[in-house]
C-alpha cells in the first residue's frame, strides 16, 4: 500500500483510521461493481444464482462500510481526504477493471479475494501492535474478523456459483 503498509504494525489512531478508510473505499468498489454487473447482465447471464450473489455482495459491502465507519468515528484521528484514500485504493487494489476479467463472476471473485486479503493483513497488523487505540481493541478485532470471514464466505459463494455453471 502506498504510504501505509498493512504488513507492519498499526501504531496510531490516525494510521488505523486511514487503514479503515481504505477498507471503506474497497467496499465501495465492490458494491459499485456488483451493482454495475447486475444492471449489465445479458439475458443469457441472468439467473437467480448470479442475481442473488450480486445483490448479496452489494448488501454485504454496504454493511461492512457502515461497520468500518462506526469504528472510524470512535477514533481520535484526523480524517484523510477521501480523494487521497481513493487514490491509494486505485493504485494498490483497483488496478484491474471489470473488463479485465472473463465475466461477472471472475470480477466478483477478484473483489472478494482482494477484500479478504486486505482484512487479513489489517488484522495481522493490529495484532502485532501494542498501541492503545481510541476504541476497544477486542471490538476492533472482532469486527474485522467478522468482516474477513464474511469475505471468505463470499469467495466460497462465488466459487460455488462458478462451479455450478460449468
Protein backbone atom coordinates (compact mmCIF):
# COMPACT_ATOMS: atom_id res chain seq x y z
CA UNK A 1 0.00 0.00 0.00
CA UNK A 2 1.35 3.41 -0.86
CA UNK A 3 2.32 5.35 2.26
CA UNK A 4 0.96 2.84 4.76
CA UNK A 5 1.90 -0.80 4.73
CA UNK A 6 -0.70 -3.05 6.25
CA UNK A 7 2.06 -5.62 6.78
CA UNK A 8 3.55 -3.54 9.60
CA UNK A 9 2.19 -2.67 12.98
CA UNK A 10 -0.55 -0.12 13.34
CA UNK A 11 0.70 2.34 15.93
CA UNK A 12 -1.62 5.37 15.96
CA UNK A 13 -5.29 6.20 15.72
CA UNK A 14 -4.54 8.21 12.59
CA UNK A 15 -2.85 5.26 10.91
CA UNK A 16 -5.69 2.94 11.95
CA UNK A 17 -8.32 5.42 10.72
CA UNK A 18 -6.55 5.65 7.36
CA UNK A 19 -6.49 1.87 7.01
CA UNK A 20 -10.14 1.61 7.98
CA UNK A 21 -10.95 4.31 5.41
CA UNK A 22 -9.18 2.22 2.80
CA UNK A 23 -11.47 -0.64 3.79
CA UNK A 24 -14.48 1.66 3.31
CA UNK A 25 -13.35 2.56 -0.20
CA UNK A 26 -12.60 -1.08 -1.05
CA UNK A 27 -16.15 -1.94 0.00
CA UNK A 28 -17.46 0.88 -2.18
CA UNK A 29 -15.54 -0.53 -5.15
CA UNK A 30 -17.05 -4.00 -4.61
CA UNK A 31 -20.52 -2.54 -4.12
CA UNK A 32 -20.38 -0.38 -7.25
CA UNK A 33 -19.00 -3.19 -9.39
CA UNK A 34 -21.69 -5.60 -8.18
CA UNK A 35 -24.39 -3.03 -8.97
CA UNK A 36 -22.95 -2.38 -12.44
CA UNK A 37 -22.69 -6.09 -13.16
CA UNK A 38 -26.26 -6.63 -12.01
CA UNK A 39 -27.52 -3.90 -14.34
CA UNK A 40 -25.40 -5.11 -17.26
CA UNK A 41 -26.30 -8.80 -17.15
CA UNK A 42 -27.31 -10.05 -20.55
CA UNK A 43 -30.42 -12.23 -20.82
CA UNK A 44 -28.14 -15.27 -21.18
CA UNK A 45 -26.30 -14.42 -17.96
CA UNK A 46 -29.39 -13.72 -15.91
CA UNK A 47 -30.23 -16.44 -13.49
CA UNK A 48 -31.36 -16.48 -9.90
CA UNK A 49 -27.98 -17.57 -8.51
CA UNK A 50 -26.00 -14.75 -10.14
CA UNK A 51 -28.62 -12.13 -9.35
CA UNK A 52 -28.74 -13.24 -5.69
CA UNK A 53 -24.95 -13.31 -5.49
CA UNK A 54 -24.64 -9.74 -6.79
CA UNK A 55 -27.45 -8.48 -4.56
CA UNK A 56 -25.84 -10.11 -1.52
CA UNK A 57 -22.46 -8.59 -2.43
CA UNK A 58 -23.99 -5.10 -2.59
CA UNK A 59 -25.79 -5.51 0.72
CA UNK A 60 -22.75 -7.03 2.44
CA UNK A 61 -20.45 -4.26 1.21
CA UNK A 62 -22.86 -1.60 2.45
CA UNK A 63 -22.99 -3.30 5.86
CA UNK A 64 -19.18 -3.53 6.00
CA UNK A 65 -18.84 0.16 5.16
CA UNK A 66 -21.23 1.11 7.96
CA UNK A 67 -19.37 -1.04 10.47
CA UNK A 68 -15.99 0.40 9.44
CA UNK A 69 -17.33 3.97 9.54
CA UNK A 70 -18.61 3.37 13.09
CA UNK A 71 -15.10 2.32 14.14
CA UNK A 72 -13.55 5.35 12.44
CA UNK A 73 -15.98 7.66 14.26
CA UNK A 74 -14.66 6.41 17.60
CA UNK A 75 -11.04 7.17 16.81
CA UNK A 76 -9.34 10.41 17.80
CA UNK A 77 -7.85 10.98 14.37
CA UNK A 78 -7.92 13.48 11.58
CA UNK A 79 -9.88 12.34 8.59
CA UNK A 80 -7.81 11.78 5.50
CA UNK A 81 -9.36 13.43 2.43
CA UNK A 82 -11.43 10.83 0.60
CA UNK A 83 -9.66 11.67 -2.66
CA UNK A 84 -6.35 10.58 -1.11
CA UNK A 85 -7.85 7.30 0.09
CA UNK A 86 -9.46 6.65 -3.28
CA UNK A 87 -6.09 7.24 -4.96
CA UNK A 88 -4.45 4.75 -2.57
CA UNK A 89 -7.08 2.13 -3.31
CA UNK A 90 -6.92 2.79 -7.04
CA UNK A 91 -3.13 2.49 -7.02
CA UNK A 92 -2.94 -0.60 -4.87
CA UNK A 93 -6.17 -2.57 -5.10
CA UNK A 94 -8.23 -1.46 -8.06
CA UNK A 95 -5.65 -1.76 -10.80
CA UNK A 96 -7.97 -4.01 -12.68
CA UNK A 97 -11.35 -3.12 -14.05
CA UNK A 98 -14.36 -5.32 -14.64
CA UNK A 99 -13.32 -5.58 -18.27
CA UNK A 100 -10.06 -7.26 -17.21
CA UNK A 101 -11.88 -10.43 -16.22
CA UNK A 102 -13.65 -13.06 -18.24
CA UNK A 103 -17.11 -12.42 -16.92
CA UNK A 104 -19.00 -11.10 -13.98
CA UNK A 105 -18.17 -13.96 -11.66
CA UNK A 106 -14.41 -13.70 -12.10
CA UNK A 107 -14.53 -9.98 -11.35
CA UNK A 108 -16.69 -10.60 -8.29
CA UNK A 109 -14.29 -13.32 -7.12
CA UNK A 110 -11.37 -10.92 -7.51
CA UNK A 111 -13.14 -8.28 -5.41
CA UNK A 112 -13.98 -10.75 -2.64
CA UNK A 113 -10.43 -12.14 -2.57
CA UNK A 114 -8.89 -8.65 -2.51
CA UNK A 115 -11.09 -7.59 0.39
CA UNK A 116 -10.34 -10.81 2.29
CA UNK A 117 -6.59 -10.27 1.90
CA UNK A 118 -6.85 -6.62 2.99
CA UNK A 119 -8.73 -7.53 6.18
CA UNK A 120 -6.39 -10.43 6.87
CA UNK A 121 -3.38 -8.10 6.62
CA UNK A 122 -5.07 -5.42 8.73
CA UNK A 123 -5.93 -7.89 11.49
CA UNK A 124 -2.32 -9.11 11.49
CA UNK A 125 -1.04 -5.52 11.74
CA UNK A 126 -3.38 -4.68 14.64
CA UNK A 127 -2.46 -7.89 16.46
CA UNK A 128 1.26 -7.11 16.01
CA UNK A 129 0.79 -3.71 17.60
CA UNK A 130 0.89 -2.94 21.29
CA UNK A 131 -0.53 0.56 20.74
CA UNK A 132 -3.53 1.83 22.65
CA UNK A 133 -6.26 2.94 20.28
CA UNK A 134 -9.18 5.27 20.86
CA UNK A 135 -11.53 2.31 20.62
CA UNK A 136 -11.70 -1.08 22.23
CA UNK A 137 -9.10 -3.40 20.67
CA UNK A 138 -11.20 -6.54 21.18
CA UNK A 139 -14.22 -4.97 19.47
CA UNK A 140 -11.99 -3.72 16.64
CA UNK A 141 -10.53 -7.18 16.10
CA UNK A 142 -13.91 -8.87 16.43
CA UNK A 143 -15.42 -6.55 13.82
CA UNK A 144 -12.51 -7.01 11.41
CA UNK A 145 -12.53 -10.78 11.92
CA UNK A 146 -16.27 -10.95 11.26
CA UNK A 147 -15.88 -8.92 8.07
CA UNK A 148 -12.93 -11.06 6.93
CA UNK A 149 -14.98 -14.23 7.48
CA UNK A 150 -17.87 -12.77 5.52
CA UNK A 151 -15.43 -12.05 2.68
CA UNK A 152 -14.22 -15.66 2.87
CA UNK A 153 -17.84 -16.80 2.64
CA UNK A 154 -18.23 -14.52 -0.39
CA UNK A 155 -15.28 -16.20 -2.09
CA UNK A 156 -16.88 -19.59 -1.43
CA UNK A 157 -20.26 -18.41 -2.71
CA UNK A 158 -18.82 -17.06 -5.96
CA UNK A 159 -16.77 -20.22 -6.45
CA UNK A 160 -19.85 -22.40 -5.89
CA UNK A 161 -21.85 -20.45 -8.49
CA UNK A 162 -18.93 -20.68 -10.93
CA UNK A 163 -18.66 -24.44 -10.45
CA UNK A 164 -22.41 -24.93 -10.85
CA UNK A 165 -22.31 -23.12 -14.20
CA UNK A 166 -19.52 -25.29 -15.66
